[in-house]
Protein backbone atom coordinates (compact mmCIF):
# COMPACT_ATOMS: atom_id res chain seq x y z
CA MET A 1 -29.70 7.83 -41.18
CA ALA A 2 -29.75 10.70 -38.71
CA HIS A 3 -27.36 13.54 -39.17
CA TYR A 4 -26.38 16.59 -37.18
CA GLU A 5 -28.07 19.80 -38.14
CA LYS A 6 -26.48 23.05 -37.06
CA PRO A 7 -28.86 25.23 -35.03
CA ASP A 8 -30.29 28.17 -36.94
CA SER A 9 -29.54 30.59 -34.13
CA ALA A 10 -27.87 30.80 -30.76
CA ALA A 11 -31.34 30.58 -29.16
CA ASP A 12 -31.74 27.07 -30.63
CA ASP A 13 -28.41 25.92 -29.21
CA LEU A 14 -29.12 23.94 -26.04
CA THR A 15 -25.49 24.13 -24.92
CA PRO A 16 -24.38 27.70 -25.50
CA THR A 17 -21.71 27.48 -22.80
CA VAL A 18 -19.55 24.70 -21.47
CA GLY A 19 -21.13 23.38 -18.32
CA ALA A 20 -24.71 23.85 -19.49
CA ALA A 21 -27.33 21.55 -17.98
CA THR A 22 -27.32 19.36 -21.09
CA ASP A 23 -23.56 18.77 -21.03
CA ILE A 24 -23.88 16.04 -18.41
CA ALA A 25 -26.57 13.45 -18.85
CA PRO A 26 -28.51 12.90 -15.63
CA LEU A 27 -27.49 9.68 -13.95
CA GLY A 28 -30.84 9.04 -12.35
CA GLN A 29 -30.36 11.19 -9.25
CA ILE A 30 -33.16 13.35 -8.08
CA GLY A 31 -32.05 16.51 -6.39
CA ALA A 32 -28.62 18.06 -6.17
CA LYS A 33 -25.76 16.71 -8.22
CA PRO A 34 -23.00 14.90 -6.35
CA ALA A 35 -19.81 16.92 -5.91
CA HIS A 36 -17.91 14.97 -8.60
CA GLU A 37 -20.51 15.96 -11.25
CA LEU A 38 -20.48 19.70 -10.58
CA THR A 39 -19.07 21.96 -13.25
CA ALA A 40 -16.73 24.80 -12.28
CA ASP A 41 -19.62 27.28 -12.51
CA GLU A 42 -21.79 25.15 -10.21
CA ASP A 43 -19.16 24.54 -7.54
CA SER A 44 -19.91 26.85 -4.63
CA ASP A 45 -16.66 26.08 -2.81
CA PRO A 46 -13.88 25.89 -5.39
CA VAL A 47 -10.33 25.02 -4.43
CA GLU A 48 -7.32 26.74 -5.94
CA TRP A 49 -5.61 23.60 -7.26
CA ARG A 50 -2.40 25.33 -8.29
CA ARG A 51 -1.85 26.31 -4.64
CA VAL A 52 -2.80 22.80 -3.46
CA THR A 53 -0.09 21.24 -5.63
CA GLN A 54 2.50 23.36 -3.84
CA MET A 55 1.41 22.26 -0.34
CA PRO A 56 3.87 19.94 1.47
CA GLU A 57 0.96 17.65 2.41
CA PHE A 58 0.09 17.18 -1.28
CA LYS A 59 3.70 16.36 -2.15
CA HIS A 60 3.78 13.89 0.75
CA MET A 61 0.60 12.23 -0.58
CA LEU A 62 2.12 11.87 -4.06
CA LYS A 63 5.24 10.29 -2.58
CA ALA A 64 3.11 7.89 -0.51
CA LYS A 65 1.20 6.86 -3.63
CA LEU A 66 4.43 6.30 -5.55
CA ARG A 67 5.87 4.25 -2.66
CA PHE A 68 2.96 1.85 -3.09
CA ILE A 69 2.24 1.93 -6.82
CA VAL A 70 5.78 1.58 -8.20
CA PRO A 71 6.84 -1.47 -6.14
CA ALA A 72 3.42 -3.13 -6.58
CA THR A 73 3.57 -2.63 -10.35
CA LEU A 74 7.15 -3.86 -10.61
CA PHE A 75 6.37 -6.90 -8.47
CA PHE A 76 3.30 -7.78 -10.53
CA VAL A 77 5.09 -7.37 -13.87
CA ALA A 78 8.01 -9.52 -12.65
CA TYR A 79 5.59 -12.14 -11.27
CA TYR A 80 3.57 -12.12 -14.50
CA PHE A 81 6.60 -12.57 -16.77
CA ALA A 82 8.18 -15.15 -14.47
CA LEU A 83 5.85 -17.84 -15.85
CA PRO A 84 6.91 -17.68 -19.52
CA VAL A 85 10.55 -17.16 -18.52
CA LEU A 86 10.52 -20.18 -16.20
CA VAL A 87 8.68 -22.32 -18.76
CA GLY A 88 11.30 -21.36 -21.34
CA TYR A 89 14.43 -21.61 -19.18
CA ALA A 90 13.43 -24.21 -16.57
CA PRO A 91 11.04 -26.58 -18.35
CA GLY A 92 12.05 -29.49 -16.14
CA LEU A 93 11.02 -27.63 -12.99
CA MET A 94 7.80 -26.24 -14.44
CA SER A 95 6.68 -29.61 -15.86
CA ARG A 96 7.16 -31.39 -12.53
CA ARG A 97 3.80 -32.88 -11.56
CA VAL A 98 2.34 -31.89 -8.23
CA PHE A 99 -0.76 -34.12 -8.30
CA GLY A 100 -2.33 -35.94 -11.24
CA VAL A 101 -1.74 -34.05 -14.45
CA VAL A 102 -1.37 -30.73 -12.64
CA ASN A 103 2.18 -29.43 -12.79
CA ILE A 104 3.99 -26.44 -11.29
CA ALA A 105 3.36 -24.33 -14.41
CA TYR A 106 -0.42 -24.76 -14.04
CA LEU A 107 -0.26 -23.85 -10.36
CA PHE A 108 1.93 -20.83 -11.10
CA ALA A 109 -0.49 -19.67 -13.80
CA LEU A 110 -3.43 -20.06 -11.42
CA SER A 111 -1.55 -18.21 -8.69
CA GLN A 112 -1.36 -15.15 -10.95
CA PHE A 113 -5.12 -14.67 -10.59
CA PHE A 114 -4.82 -14.77 -6.82
CA MET A 115 -1.82 -12.44 -6.89
CA ALA A 116 -3.80 -9.91 -8.95
CA TRP A 117 -6.66 -10.06 -6.42
CA ILE A 118 -4.26 -9.70 -3.49
CA ILE A 119 -2.56 -6.67 -5.04
CA ALA A 120 -5.98 -5.16 -5.81
CA ALA A 121 -7.09 -5.71 -2.19
CA LEU A 122 -3.88 -4.13 -0.91
CA TYR A 123 -4.44 -1.16 -3.21
CA VAL A 124 -8.02 -0.72 -1.99
CA ARG A 125 -6.71 -0.60 1.57
CA ALA A 126 -3.94 1.86 0.61
CA ALA A 127 -6.40 3.96 -1.43
CA SER A 128 -8.52 4.53 1.66
CA ARG A 129 -5.45 6.08 3.30
CA PHE A 130 -4.84 8.17 0.18
CA ASP A 131 -8.48 9.31 0.20
CA LYS A 132 -8.17 10.41 3.83
CA MET A 133 -5.00 12.32 3.00
CA GLU A 134 -6.81 13.96 0.07
CA ARG A 135 -9.75 15.03 2.24
CA ASP A 136 -7.35 16.52 4.80
CA ILE A 137 -5.44 18.41 2.10
CA ILE A 138 -8.60 19.82 0.54
CA GLY A 139 -9.88 20.77 3.99
CA ARG A 140 -6.67 22.67 4.72
CA ALA A 141 -6.75 24.34 1.31
CA ARG A 142 -10.31 25.57 1.92
CA GLU A 143 -9.33 26.97 5.34
CA LYS A 144 -6.64 29.20 3.83
């Protein structure tokens, strides 16, 4: 069984500072790291995030995200819990056969998969707008 051995000296320590080359395992890229893998010391164009959070554009982006995420989450949770509630309180309706042995409860349960995919697709579309807003905000923050 392997165990950790403390380095004898600071010279033996391969990660003497946070952000050392060994802190992030290479992901197979050759060349420069992508921007999302850069440490604070490696970033040549840092953004002052505290100032960004005070920008009206940033606050507008957060509100736009909340306007999508909160209703979508509430709708999905209500849709998800509608099946057990309807099976419990309206068993006659849910057991009504649509074709063969397939009843409304089965169709409703199957529709939840499609509803999850639809909400995910809508979020992907909305996220592209959020990403554009983010790029604009960071661009403005770097200009100042």
